[in-house]
């Protein structure tokens, strides 16, 4: 609580990160995504600010929203924590270049290719990067979160197992969907 956070990528993982942050009382959160629909969902689950990187300079906006922190080569955004739920290759380098001294980056997105990284930025800023793909020890935390917060708006498509292929088609290249659910009982609904 009290830290400033930026979540890059508002697909299902980024949206759940936003919901979890809000549930834990972290309210100075900025969501960044290309999709207006996903940014709208981000605002619904707890993002205080939403940014479309095609419409604004994200780093200038983070400085405006979170303030600035001093650095030898000029002020940086004072954002404390960055969450990479986007998987854009240049994002890690951008965070290291523009992030604050002692900042933290959590990578939860899959990067399928090696990502070039400037370790001079990492060293000079004493930045911490942590990857996370592990499953929690307590799935009850997620169930309890759902009991406290209505996150049903995040499920934008529900399809029966017989339409599994259609569900994959929704995901392929679609940037305007939240979570696509496949039901096992044939009781699909929303599309």
N, C-alpha and C. Protein backbone atom coordinates (compact mmCIF):
# COMPACT_ATOMS: atom_id res chain seq x y z
N UNK A 1 0.83 -1.21 0.00
CA UNK A 1 0.00 0.00 0.00
C UNK A 1 0.86 1.26 0.00
N UNK A 2 0.43 2.25 -0.77
CA UNK A 2 1.18 3.49 -0.88
C UNK A 2 2.12 3.53 -2.06
N UNK A 3 2.40 2.38 -2.65
CA UNK A 3 3.29 2.37 -3.81
C UNK A 3 2.51 2.70 -5.08
N UNK A 4 3.26 3.19 -6.07
CA UNK A 4 2.68 3.55 -7.36
C UNK A 4 3.02 2.44 -8.35
N UNK A 5 2.00 1.97 -9.08
CA UNK A 5 2.17 0.80 -9.93
C UNK A 5 1.69 1.11 -11.34
N UNK A 6 2.39 0.54 -12.33
CA UNK A 6 1.96 0.60 -13.73
C UNK A 6 1.85 -0.83 -14.25
N UNK A 7 0.68 -1.16 -14.81
CA UNK A 7 0.45 -2.49 -15.37
C UNK A 7 0.39 -2.34 -16.89
N UNK A 8 1.35 -2.95 -17.58
CA UNK A 8 1.38 -2.94 -19.04
C UNK A 8 0.71 -4.21 -19.53
N UNK A 9 -0.40 -4.04 -20.25
CA UNK A 9 -1.13 -5.18 -20.79
C UNK A 9 -2.36 -5.47 -19.96
N UNK A 10 -3.53 -5.34 -20.56
CA UNK A 10 -4.80 -5.53 -19.84
C UNK A 10 -5.60 -6.68 -20.42
N UNK A 11 -4.89 -7.76 -20.76
CA UNK A 11 -5.56 -9.01 -21.08
C UNK A 11 -5.97 -9.64 -19.75
N UNK A 12 -6.40 -10.89 -19.76
CA UNK A 12 -6.87 -11.52 -18.53
C UNK A 12 -5.86 -11.48 -17.37
N UNK A 13 -4.58 -11.68 -17.64
CA UNK A 13 -3.59 -11.68 -16.56
C UNK A 13 -3.40 -10.27 -16.01
N UNK A 14 -3.26 -9.29 -16.88
CA UNK A 14 -3.13 -7.91 -16.42
C UNK A 14 -4.35 -7.43 -15.67
N UNK A 15 -5.54 -7.81 -16.16
CA UNK A 15 -6.78 -7.42 -15.48
C UNK A 15 -6.87 -8.04 -14.09
N UNK A 16 -6.47 -9.29 -13.96
CA UNK A 16 -6.49 -9.92 -12.63
C UNK A 16 -5.44 -9.30 -11.72
N UNK A 17 -4.30 -8.88 -12.29
CA UNK A 17 -3.31 -8.17 -11.47
C UNK A 17 -3.91 -6.87 -10.95
N UNK A 18 -4.61 -6.15 -11.81
CA UNK A 18 -5.27 -4.91 -11.40
C UNK A 18 -6.30 -5.16 -10.30
N UNK A 19 -7.10 -6.20 -10.46
CA UNK A 19 -8.12 -6.53 -9.45
C UNK A 19 -7.47 -6.89 -8.13
N UNK A 20 -6.38 -7.63 -8.18
CA UNK A 20 -5.68 -8.03 -6.95
C UNK A 20 -5.06 -6.81 -6.27
N UNK A 21 -4.46 -5.92 -7.04
CA UNK A 21 -3.89 -4.69 -6.45
C UNK A 21 -4.98 -3.87 -5.77
N UNK A 22 -6.11 -3.70 -6.44
CA UNK A 22 -7.21 -2.93 -5.85
C UNK A 22 -7.71 -3.60 -4.58
N UNK A 23 -7.80 -4.92 -4.60
CA UNK A 23 -8.27 -5.65 -3.43
C UNK A 23 -7.32 -5.50 -2.24
N UNK A 24 -6.06 -5.28 -2.52
CA UNK A 24 -5.07 -5.12 -1.46
C UNK A 24 -4.88 -3.66 -1.05
N UNK A 25 -5.72 -2.78 -1.58
CA UNK A 25 -5.67 -1.38 -1.16
C UNK A 25 -4.65 -0.53 -1.90
N UNK A 26 -4.12 -1.04 -2.99
CA UNK A 26 -3.16 -0.28 -3.78
C UNK A 26 -3.97 0.45 -4.85
N UNK A 27 -4.08 1.77 -4.68
CA UNK A 27 -5.01 2.51 -5.54
C UNK A 27 -4.34 3.46 -6.52
N UNK A 28 -3.04 3.63 -6.46
CA UNK A 28 -2.35 4.52 -7.40
C UNK A 28 -1.79 3.68 -8.54
N UNK A 29 -2.71 3.16 -9.36
CA UNK A 29 -2.35 2.20 -10.40
C UNK A 29 -2.74 2.74 -11.77
N UNK A 30 -1.81 2.63 -12.70
CA UNK A 30 -2.03 3.04 -14.09
C UNK A 30 -2.04 1.78 -14.96
N UNK A 31 -3.06 1.65 -15.80
CA UNK A 31 -3.16 0.53 -16.74
C UNK A 31 -2.83 1.04 -18.13
N UNK A 32 -2.01 0.28 -18.86
CA UNK A 32 -1.58 0.66 -20.21
C UNK A 32 -1.93 -0.46 -21.17
N UNK A 33 -2.66 -0.13 -22.23
CA UNK A 33 -3.03 -1.12 -23.24
C UNK A 33 -3.43 -0.39 -24.52
N UNK A 34 -3.41 -1.11 -25.64
CA UNK A 34 -3.80 -0.55 -26.93
C UNK A 34 -5.31 -0.59 -27.16
N UNK A 35 -6.00 -1.44 -26.43
CA UNK A 35 -7.42 -1.69 -26.66
C UNK A 35 -8.31 -0.82 -25.79
N UNK A 36 -9.17 -0.01 -26.40
CA UNK A 36 -10.13 0.77 -25.60
C UNK A 36 -11.04 -0.12 -24.75
N UNK A 37 -11.44 -1.27 -25.27
CA UNK A 37 -12.30 -2.18 -24.51
C UNK A 37 -11.59 -2.70 -23.27
N UNK A 38 -10.34 -3.08 -23.42
CA UNK A 38 -9.58 -3.58 -22.27
C UNK A 38 -9.28 -2.46 -21.28
N UNK A 39 -9.05 -1.26 -21.76
CA UNK A 39 -8.82 -0.14 -20.84
C UNK A 39 -10.09 0.16 -20.05
N UNK A 40 -11.24 0.00 -20.69
CA UNK A 40 -12.50 0.20 -19.97
C UNK A 40 -12.65 -0.85 -18.85
N UNK A 41 -12.32 -2.11 -19.17
CA UNK A 41 -12.35 -3.16 -18.15
C UNK A 41 -11.36 -2.86 -17.03
N UNK A 42 -10.18 -2.34 -17.39
CA UNK A 42 -9.17 -2.00 -16.38
C UNK A 42 -9.69 -0.97 -15.39
N UNK A 43 -10.40 0.02 -15.89
CA UNK A 43 -10.99 1.02 -15.01
C UNK A 43 -12.05 0.43 -14.10
N UNK A 44 -12.79 -0.54 -14.62
CA UNK A 44 -13.84 -1.19 -13.81
C UNK A 44 -13.27 -2.01 -12.66
N UNK A 45 -12.08 -2.58 -12.84
CA UNK A 45 -11.53 -3.45 -11.79
C UNK A 45 -10.55 -2.73 -10.86
N UNK A 46 -10.28 -1.43 -11.10
CA UNK A 46 -9.47 -0.74 -10.11
C UNK A 46 -8.38 0.18 -10.60
N UNK A 47 -8.13 0.27 -11.89
CA UNK A 47 -7.09 1.19 -12.36
C UNK A 47 -7.56 2.63 -12.14
N UNK A 48 -6.72 3.43 -11.53
CA UNK A 48 -7.06 4.85 -11.31
C UNK A 48 -6.92 5.65 -12.60
N UNK A 49 -6.00 5.21 -13.46
CA UNK A 49 -5.74 5.89 -14.73
C UNK A 49 -5.54 4.83 -15.81
N UNK A 50 -5.95 5.14 -17.03
CA UNK A 50 -5.73 4.25 -18.16
C UNK A 50 -5.04 5.03 -19.28
N UNK A 51 -4.08 4.38 -19.93
CA UNK A 51 -3.32 5.03 -20.99
C UNK A 51 -3.27 4.16 -22.24
N UNK A 52 -3.48 4.78 -23.37
CA UNK A 52 -3.31 4.13 -24.67
C UNK A 52 -1.99 4.65 -25.24
N UNK A 53 -0.97 3.79 -25.37
CA UNK A 53 0.33 4.25 -25.83
C UNK A 53 0.36 4.78 -27.27
N UNK A 54 -0.72 4.55 -28.02
CA UNK A 54 -0.77 5.14 -29.37
C UNK A 54 -1.29 6.57 -29.32
N UNK A 55 -1.86 6.96 -28.18
CA UNK A 55 -2.45 8.30 -28.06
C UNK A 55 -1.63 9.24 -27.20
N UNK A 56 -0.80 8.69 -26.30
CA UNK A 56 -0.02 9.54 -25.38
C UNK A 56 1.39 8.99 -25.24
N UNK A 57 2.29 9.83 -24.73
CA UNK A 57 3.63 9.40 -24.36
C UNK A 57 3.50 8.80 -22.96
N UNK A 58 3.57 7.49 -22.87
CA UNK A 58 3.35 6.78 -21.61
C UNK A 58 4.28 7.28 -20.51
N UNK A 59 5.55 7.50 -20.84
CA UNK A 59 6.53 7.88 -19.81
C UNK A 59 6.29 9.30 -19.32
N UNK A 60 5.90 10.19 -20.21
CA UNK A 60 5.56 11.55 -19.79
C UNK A 60 4.31 11.52 -18.90
N UNK A 61 3.34 10.67 -19.26
CA UNK A 61 2.12 10.56 -18.46
C UNK A 61 2.39 9.93 -17.10
N UNK A 62 3.28 8.93 -17.05
CA UNK A 62 3.62 8.34 -15.75
C UNK A 62 4.31 9.38 -14.86
N UNK A 63 5.14 10.23 -15.44
CA UNK A 63 5.77 11.32 -14.66
C UNK A 63 4.71 12.28 -14.15
N UNK A 64 3.73 12.59 -14.98
CA UNK A 64 2.67 13.51 -14.57
C UNK A 64 1.81 12.90 -13.47
N UNK A 65 1.47 11.63 -13.61
CA UNK A 65 0.58 10.97 -12.67
C UNK A 65 1.30 10.59 -11.37
N UNK A 66 2.48 9.98 -11.48
CA UNK A 66 3.20 9.49 -10.30
C UNK A 66 4.28 10.44 -9.80
N UNK A 67 4.53 11.50 -10.53
CA UNK A 67 5.61 12.40 -10.15
C UNK A 67 6.93 11.90 -10.69
N UNK A 68 8.01 12.57 -10.30
CA UNK A 68 9.34 12.20 -10.79
C UNK A 68 10.26 11.83 -9.63
N UNK A 69 11.28 11.05 -9.96
CA UNK A 69 12.31 10.66 -9.02
C UNK A 69 13.65 11.07 -9.62
N UNK A 70 14.57 11.53 -8.79
CA UNK A 70 15.86 11.97 -9.33
C UNK A 70 16.71 10.82 -9.85
N UNK A 71 17.47 11.11 -10.90
CA UNK A 71 18.43 10.16 -11.46
C UNK A 71 19.56 10.98 -12.05
N UNK A 72 20.72 10.44 -12.07
CA UNK A 72 21.92 11.13 -12.54
C UNK A 72 21.74 11.77 -13.92
N UNK A 73 21.01 11.13 -14.81
CA UNK A 73 20.86 11.64 -16.17
C UNK A 73 19.52 12.30 -16.42
N UNK A 74 18.84 12.69 -15.38
CA UNK A 74 17.57 13.37 -15.50
C UNK A 74 16.47 12.62 -14.76
N UNK A 75 15.41 13.31 -14.41
CA UNK A 75 14.35 12.68 -13.62
C UNK A 75 13.64 11.56 -14.38
N UNK A 76 13.24 10.57 -13.62
CA UNK A 76 12.49 9.43 -14.16
C UNK A 76 11.09 9.45 -13.56
N UNK A 77 10.23 8.63 -14.09
CA UNK A 77 8.91 8.45 -13.48
C UNK A 77 9.12 7.86 -12.09
N UNK A 78 8.34 8.32 -11.12
CA UNK A 78 8.47 7.84 -9.74
C UNK A 78 7.65 6.57 -9.48
N UNK A 79 7.25 5.90 -10.53
CA UNK A 79 6.51 4.64 -10.41
C UNK A 79 7.40 3.63 -9.69
N UNK A 80 6.85 2.97 -8.67
CA UNK A 80 7.63 2.03 -7.88
C UNK A 80 7.71 0.64 -8.51
N UNK A 81 6.58 0.18 -9.05
CA UNK A 81 6.49 -1.20 -9.55
C UNK A 81 5.87 -1.19 -10.94
N UNK A 82 6.47 -1.96 -11.83
CA UNK A 82 5.96 -2.15 -13.18
C UNK A 82 5.61 -3.62 -13.34
N UNK A 83 4.45 -3.90 -13.91
CA UNK A 83 4.06 -5.29 -14.18
C UNK A 83 3.96 -5.45 -15.69
N UNK A 84 4.76 -6.36 -16.23
CA UNK A 84 4.73 -6.65 -17.67
C UNK A 84 3.79 -7.82 -17.91
N UNK A 85 2.55 -7.49 -18.27
CA UNK A 85 1.57 -8.50 -18.65
C UNK A 85 1.29 -8.40 -20.15
N UNK A 86 2.15 -7.66 -20.86
CA UNK A 86 1.95 -7.42 -22.29
C UNK A 86 2.79 -8.34 -23.16
N UNK A 87 4.03 -8.57 -22.77
CA UNK A 87 4.91 -9.41 -23.57
C UNK A 87 5.52 -8.72 -24.77
N UNK A 88 5.46 -7.38 -24.80
CA UNK A 88 6.09 -6.63 -25.89
C UNK A 88 7.59 -6.60 -25.65
N UNK A 89 8.36 -7.01 -26.64
CA UNK A 89 9.81 -7.16 -26.45
C UNK A 89 10.51 -5.90 -25.98
N UNK A 90 10.12 -4.74 -26.45
CA UNK A 90 10.85 -3.52 -26.08
C UNK A 90 10.47 -3.01 -24.70
N UNK A 91 9.42 -3.56 -24.10
CA UNK A 91 8.93 -3.05 -22.83
C UNK A 91 9.96 -3.15 -21.71
N UNK A 92 10.65 -4.27 -21.60
CA UNK A 92 11.62 -4.45 -20.52
C UNK A 92 12.71 -3.39 -20.61
N UNK A 93 13.23 -3.15 -21.80
CA UNK A 93 14.24 -2.11 -21.98
C UNK A 93 13.71 -0.73 -21.68
N UNK A 94 12.47 -0.46 -22.08
CA UNK A 94 11.85 0.84 -21.80
C UNK A 94 11.71 1.06 -20.30
N UNK A 95 11.28 0.03 -19.57
CA UNK A 95 11.13 0.16 -18.12
C UNK A 95 12.48 0.43 -17.48
N UNK A 96 13.51 -0.29 -17.89
CA UNK A 96 14.84 -0.05 -17.32
C UNK A 96 15.35 1.34 -17.64
N UNK A 97 15.07 1.82 -18.83
CA UNK A 97 15.55 3.14 -19.25
C UNK A 97 14.79 4.27 -18.54
N UNK A 98 13.49 4.12 -18.38
CA UNK A 98 12.66 5.20 -17.86
C UNK A 98 12.25 5.04 -16.40
N UNK A 99 12.47 3.84 -15.83
CA UNK A 99 12.05 3.59 -14.46
C UNK A 99 12.98 4.25 -13.45
N UNK A 100 12.52 4.31 -12.22
CA UNK A 100 13.23 4.97 -11.13
C UNK A 100 14.35 4.11 -10.55
N UNK A 101 15.24 4.74 -9.83
CA UNK A 101 16.24 4.01 -9.05
C UNK A 101 15.49 3.18 -8.02
N UNK A 102 15.92 1.95 -7.82
CA UNK A 102 15.30 0.99 -6.90
C UNK A 102 13.90 0.57 -7.34
N UNK A 103 13.58 0.76 -8.62
CA UNK A 103 12.30 0.31 -9.14
C UNK A 103 12.27 -1.21 -9.25
N UNK A 104 11.07 -1.73 -9.46
CA UNK A 104 10.90 -3.17 -9.59
C UNK A 104 10.04 -3.48 -10.80
N UNK A 105 10.41 -4.54 -11.50
CA UNK A 105 9.66 -5.02 -12.66
C UNK A 105 9.30 -6.48 -12.42
N UNK A 106 8.02 -6.79 -12.55
CA UNK A 106 7.56 -8.17 -12.45
C UNK A 106 7.10 -8.58 -13.85
N UNK A 107 7.72 -9.62 -14.39
CA UNK A 107 7.39 -10.10 -15.73
C UNK A 107 6.48 -11.32 -15.58
N UNK A 108 5.22 -11.16 -15.99
CA UNK A 108 4.26 -12.27 -15.96
C UNK A 108 3.84 -12.65 -17.38
N UNK A 109 4.25 -11.88 -18.36
CA UNK A 109 3.94 -12.17 -19.77
C UNK A 109 4.97 -13.14 -20.33
N UNK A 110 4.56 -13.90 -21.32
CA UNK A 110 5.49 -14.79 -22.00
C UNK A 110 6.24 -14.01 -23.08
N UNK A 111 7.53 -14.13 -23.06
CA UNK A 111 8.39 -13.60 -24.13
C UNK A 111 8.98 -14.83 -24.81
N UNK A 112 8.62 -15.02 -26.07
CA UNK A 112 9.02 -16.23 -26.78
C UNK A 112 10.40 -16.14 -27.41
N UNK A 113 10.95 -14.95 -27.48
CA UNK A 113 12.28 -14.74 -28.05
C UNK A 113 13.16 -14.05 -27.00
N UNK A 114 14.48 -14.17 -27.11
CA UNK A 114 15.35 -13.44 -26.19
C UNK A 114 15.08 -11.93 -26.31
N UNK A 115 15.17 -11.24 -25.18
CA UNK A 115 14.91 -9.80 -25.15
C UNK A 115 16.22 -9.09 -24.83
N UNK A 116 16.63 -8.18 -25.72
CA UNK A 116 17.84 -7.40 -25.47
C UNK A 116 17.63 -6.52 -24.24
N UNK A 117 18.61 -6.52 -23.36
CA UNK A 117 18.50 -5.77 -22.12
C UNK A 117 19.78 -4.98 -21.89
N UNK A 118 19.64 -3.72 -21.49
CA UNK A 118 20.79 -2.89 -21.17
C UNK A 118 21.09 -3.05 -19.68
N UNK A 119 22.08 -3.85 -19.37
CA UNK A 119 22.40 -4.11 -17.98
C UNK A 119 23.06 -2.92 -17.30
N UNK A 120 23.53 -1.95 -18.05
CA UNK A 120 24.04 -0.73 -17.44
C UNK A 120 22.89 0.00 -16.74
N UNK A 121 21.74 0.10 -17.39
CA UNK A 121 20.56 0.70 -16.75
C UNK A 121 20.18 -0.10 -15.50
N UNK A 122 20.19 -1.40 -15.61
CA UNK A 122 19.85 -2.26 -14.47
C UNK A 122 20.80 -2.00 -13.30
N UNK A 123 22.09 -1.94 -13.56
CA UNK A 123 23.07 -1.73 -12.51
C UNK A 123 22.99 -0.32 -11.92
N UNK A 124 22.94 0.69 -12.79
CA UNK A 124 22.95 2.07 -12.30
C UNK A 124 21.70 2.39 -11.47
N UNK A 125 20.62 1.75 -11.79
CA UNK A 125 19.37 2.03 -11.07
C UNK A 125 19.09 1.00 -9.98
N UNK A 126 19.96 0.02 -9.82
CA UNK A 126 19.76 -1.03 -8.83
C UNK A 126 18.34 -1.58 -8.92
N UNK A 127 17.95 -1.83 -10.16
CA UNK A 127 16.60 -2.28 -10.48
C UNK A 127 16.45 -3.75 -10.16
N UNK A 128 15.28 -4.16 -9.77
CA UNK A 128 14.98 -5.57 -9.50
C UNK A 128 14.00 -6.07 -10.54
N UNK A 129 14.33 -7.20 -11.17
CA UNK A 129 13.42 -7.84 -12.12
C UNK A 129 13.08 -9.22 -11.57
N UNK A 130 11.80 -9.50 -11.53
CA UNK A 130 11.35 -10.81 -11.03
C UNK A 130 10.38 -11.41 -12.04
N UNK A 131 10.61 -12.64 -12.36
CA UNK A 131 9.68 -13.37 -13.22
C UNK A 131 8.71 -14.15 -12.35
N UNK A 132 7.53 -14.39 -12.88
CA UNK A 132 6.54 -15.15 -12.12
C UNK A 132 5.67 -15.95 -13.07
N UNK A 133 5.75 -17.26 -12.97
CA UNK A 133 4.87 -18.13 -13.73
C UNK A 133 4.36 -19.26 -12.85
N UNK A 134 4.74 -19.20 -11.58
CA UNK A 134 4.36 -20.28 -10.68
C UNK A 134 2.92 -20.15 -10.21
N UNK A 135 2.36 -21.24 -9.83
CA UNK A 135 1.00 -21.25 -9.31
C UNK A 135 1.06 -20.99 -7.80
N UNK A 136 0.04 -20.36 -7.26
CA UNK A 136 0.08 -20.03 -5.84
C UNK A 136 -0.05 -21.27 -4.96
N UNK A 137 0.47 -21.15 -3.75
CA UNK A 137 0.33 -22.25 -2.80
C UNK A 137 -1.12 -22.39 -2.36
N UNK A 138 -1.84 -21.27 -2.35
CA UNK A 138 -3.23 -21.26 -1.89
C UNK A 138 -4.15 -20.78 -3.00
N UNK A 139 -4.84 -21.67 -3.67
CA UNK A 139 -5.83 -21.26 -4.66
C UNK A 139 -7.02 -20.58 -3.96
N UNK A 140 -7.12 -20.82 -2.66
CA UNK A 140 -8.20 -20.19 -1.89
C UNK A 140 -8.12 -18.67 -1.96
N UNK A 141 -6.91 -18.11 -2.11
CA UNK A 141 -6.77 -16.65 -2.22
C UNK A 141 -7.59 -16.13 -3.40
N UNK A 142 -7.52 -16.83 -4.53
CA UNK A 142 -8.27 -16.42 -5.72
C UNK A 142 -9.77 -16.57 -5.50
N UNK A 143 -10.16 -17.66 -4.87
CA UNK A 143 -11.58 -17.90 -4.60
C UNK A 143 -12.11 -16.83 -3.64
N UNK A 144 -11.32 -16.51 -2.62
CA UNK A 144 -11.73 -15.48 -1.65
C UNK A 144 -11.81 -14.10 -2.31
N UNK A 145 -10.91 -13.82 -3.25
CA UNK A 145 -10.96 -12.56 -4.00
C UNK A 145 -12.28 -12.48 -4.76
N UNK A 146 -12.67 -13.57 -5.41
CA UNK A 146 -13.93 -13.59 -6.16
C UNK A 146 -15.14 -13.44 -5.24
N UNK A 147 -15.02 -13.88 -3.99
CA UNK A 147 -16.11 -13.70 -3.04
C UNK A 147 -16.24 -12.23 -2.62
N UNK A 148 -15.11 -11.52 -2.60
CA UNK A 148 -15.11 -10.11 -2.19
C UNK A 148 -15.43 -9.16 -3.34
N UNK A 149 -15.11 -9.55 -4.56
CA UNK A 149 -15.25 -8.65 -5.71
C UNK A 149 -15.96 -9.35 -6.86
N UNK A 150 -16.88 -8.64 -7.47
CA UNK A 150 -17.56 -9.18 -8.65
C UNK A 150 -16.69 -8.88 -9.86
N UNK A 151 -16.05 -9.89 -10.39
CA UNK A 151 -15.17 -9.74 -11.55
C UNK A 151 -15.78 -10.36 -12.80
N UNK A 152 -17.09 -10.59 -12.77
CA UNK A 152 -17.75 -11.26 -13.89
C UNK A 152 -17.62 -10.47 -15.20
N UNK A 153 -17.45 -9.15 -15.13
CA UNK A 153 -17.31 -8.34 -16.35
C UNK A 153 -16.06 -8.71 -17.14
N UNK A 154 -15.08 -9.33 -16.46
CA UNK A 154 -13.84 -9.71 -17.15
C UNK A 154 -14.05 -10.87 -18.12
N UNK A 155 -15.10 -11.64 -17.90
CA UNK A 155 -15.43 -12.75 -18.82
C UNK A 155 -16.28 -12.15 -19.93
N UNK A 156 -15.66 -11.92 -21.07
CA UNK A 156 -16.36 -11.27 -22.18
C UNK A 156 -16.97 -12.26 -23.16
N UNK A 157 -16.52 -13.50 -23.11
CA UNK A 157 -17.03 -14.53 -24.02
C UNK A 157 -17.14 -15.85 -23.27
N UNK A 158 -18.30 -16.51 -23.39
CA UNK A 158 -18.50 -17.85 -22.81
C UNK A 158 -19.03 -18.74 -23.93
N UNK A 159 -18.32 -19.82 -24.18
CA UNK A 159 -18.68 -20.73 -25.27
C UNK A 159 -18.66 -22.17 -24.77
N UNK A 160 -19.54 -23.02 -25.32
CA UNK A 160 -19.52 -24.44 -24.93
C UNK A 160 -18.30 -25.13 -25.54
N UNK A 161 -17.93 -26.25 -24.96
CA UNK A 161 -16.77 -27.01 -25.43
C UNK A 161 -16.86 -27.34 -26.92
N UNK A 162 -18.08 -27.50 -27.42
CA UNK A 162 -18.26 -27.81 -28.84
C UNK A 162 -17.78 -26.66 -29.73
N UNK A 163 -17.66 -25.47 -29.16
CA UNK A 163 -17.21 -24.30 -29.93
C UNK A 163 -15.81 -23.85 -29.52
N UNK A 164 -15.01 -24.82 -29.07
CA UNK A 164 -13.65 -24.53 -28.64
C UNK A 164 -12.85 -23.80 -29.72
N UNK A 165 -12.99 -24.26 -30.95
CA UNK A 165 -12.29 -23.63 -32.07
C UNK A 165 -12.69 -22.18 -32.25
N UNK A 166 -13.97 -21.89 -32.07
CA UNK A 166 -14.43 -20.51 -32.16
C UNK A 166 -13.83 -19.67 -31.04
N UNK A 167 -13.68 -20.27 -29.86
CA UNK A 167 -13.05 -19.57 -28.74
C UNK A 167 -11.61 -19.21 -29.05
N UNK A 168 -10.89 -20.13 -29.68
CA UNK A 168 -9.51 -19.84 -30.08
C UNK A 168 -9.48 -18.74 -31.13
N UNK A 169 -10.45 -18.75 -32.02
CA UNK A 169 -10.53 -17.70 -33.04
C UNK A 169 -10.73 -16.32 -32.42
N UNK A 170 -11.52 -16.27 -31.36
CA UNK A 170 -11.73 -15.00 -30.66
C UNK A 170 -10.40 -14.49 -30.13
N UNK A 171 -9.59 -15.40 -29.60
CA UNK A 171 -8.31 -15.01 -29.00
C UNK A 171 -7.25 -14.63 -30.04
N UNK A 172 -7.29 -15.26 -31.20
CA UNK A 172 -6.27 -15.01 -32.22
C UNK A 172 -6.33 -13.58 -32.71
N UNK A 173 -5.36 -12.82 -32.33
CA UNK A 173 -5.27 -11.45 -32.79
C UNK A 173 -6.31 -10.52 -32.19
N UNK A 174 -7.19 -11.02 -31.35
CA UNK A 174 -8.23 -10.17 -30.76
C UNK A 174 -7.64 -9.40 -29.58
N UNK A 175 -7.79 -8.13 -29.63
CA UNK A 175 -7.31 -7.30 -28.53
C UNK A 175 -8.48 -6.70 -27.75
N UNK A 176 -9.69 -7.01 -28.15
CA UNK A 176 -10.85 -6.39 -27.51
C UNK A 176 -11.64 -7.37 -26.64
N UNK A 177 -11.01 -8.47 -26.25
CA UNK A 177 -11.73 -9.39 -25.37
C UNK A 177 -11.03 -9.45 -24.03
N UNK A 178 -11.79 -9.84 -23.04
CA UNK A 178 -11.22 -10.10 -21.72
C UNK A 178 -10.92 -11.59 -21.64
N UNK A 179 -11.52 -12.25 -20.68
CA UNK A 179 -11.34 -13.69 -20.51
C UNK A 179 -12.34 -14.44 -21.37
N UNK A 180 -11.86 -15.42 -22.13
CA UNK A 180 -12.72 -16.28 -22.93
C UNK A 180 -12.86 -17.59 -22.16
N UNK A 181 -14.10 -17.91 -21.77
CA UNK A 181 -14.36 -19.12 -20.98
C UNK A 181 -14.99 -20.19 -21.86
N UNK A 182 -14.52 -21.40 -21.69
CA UNK A 182 -15.09 -22.56 -22.36
C UNK A 182 -15.78 -23.40 -21.29
N UNK A 183 -17.06 -23.65 -21.47
CA UNK A 183 -17.80 -24.44 -20.49
C UNK A 183 -17.85 -25.90 -20.92
N UNK A 184 -17.84 -26.78 -19.96
CA UNK A 184 -17.85 -28.21 -20.24
C UNK A 184 -19.27 -28.78 -20.34
N UNK A 185 -20.26 -28.01 -19.92
CA UNK A 185 -21.61 -28.56 -19.90
C UNK A 185 -22.45 -28.13 -21.10
N UNK A 186 -21.84 -27.47 -22.07
CA UNK A 186 -22.57 -27.04 -23.25
C UNK A 186 -23.44 -25.82 -23.01
N UNK A 187 -23.30 -25.20 -21.87
CA UNK A 187 -24.14 -24.05 -21.52
C UNK A 187 -23.41 -22.75 -21.80
N UNK A 188 -23.04 -22.53 -23.05
CA UNK A 188 -22.42 -21.27 -23.42
C UNK A 188 -23.43 -20.15 -23.35
N UNK A 189 -22.99 -18.96 -23.62
CA UNK A 189 -23.94 -17.85 -23.54
C UNK A 189 -23.42 -16.63 -24.22
N UNK A 190 -22.71 -15.83 -23.48
CA UNK A 190 -22.24 -14.54 -24.01
C UNK A 190 -21.19 -14.75 -25.10
N UNK A 191 -21.25 -13.93 -26.10
CA UNK A 191 -20.22 -13.96 -27.14
C UNK A 191 -19.95 -12.56 -27.59
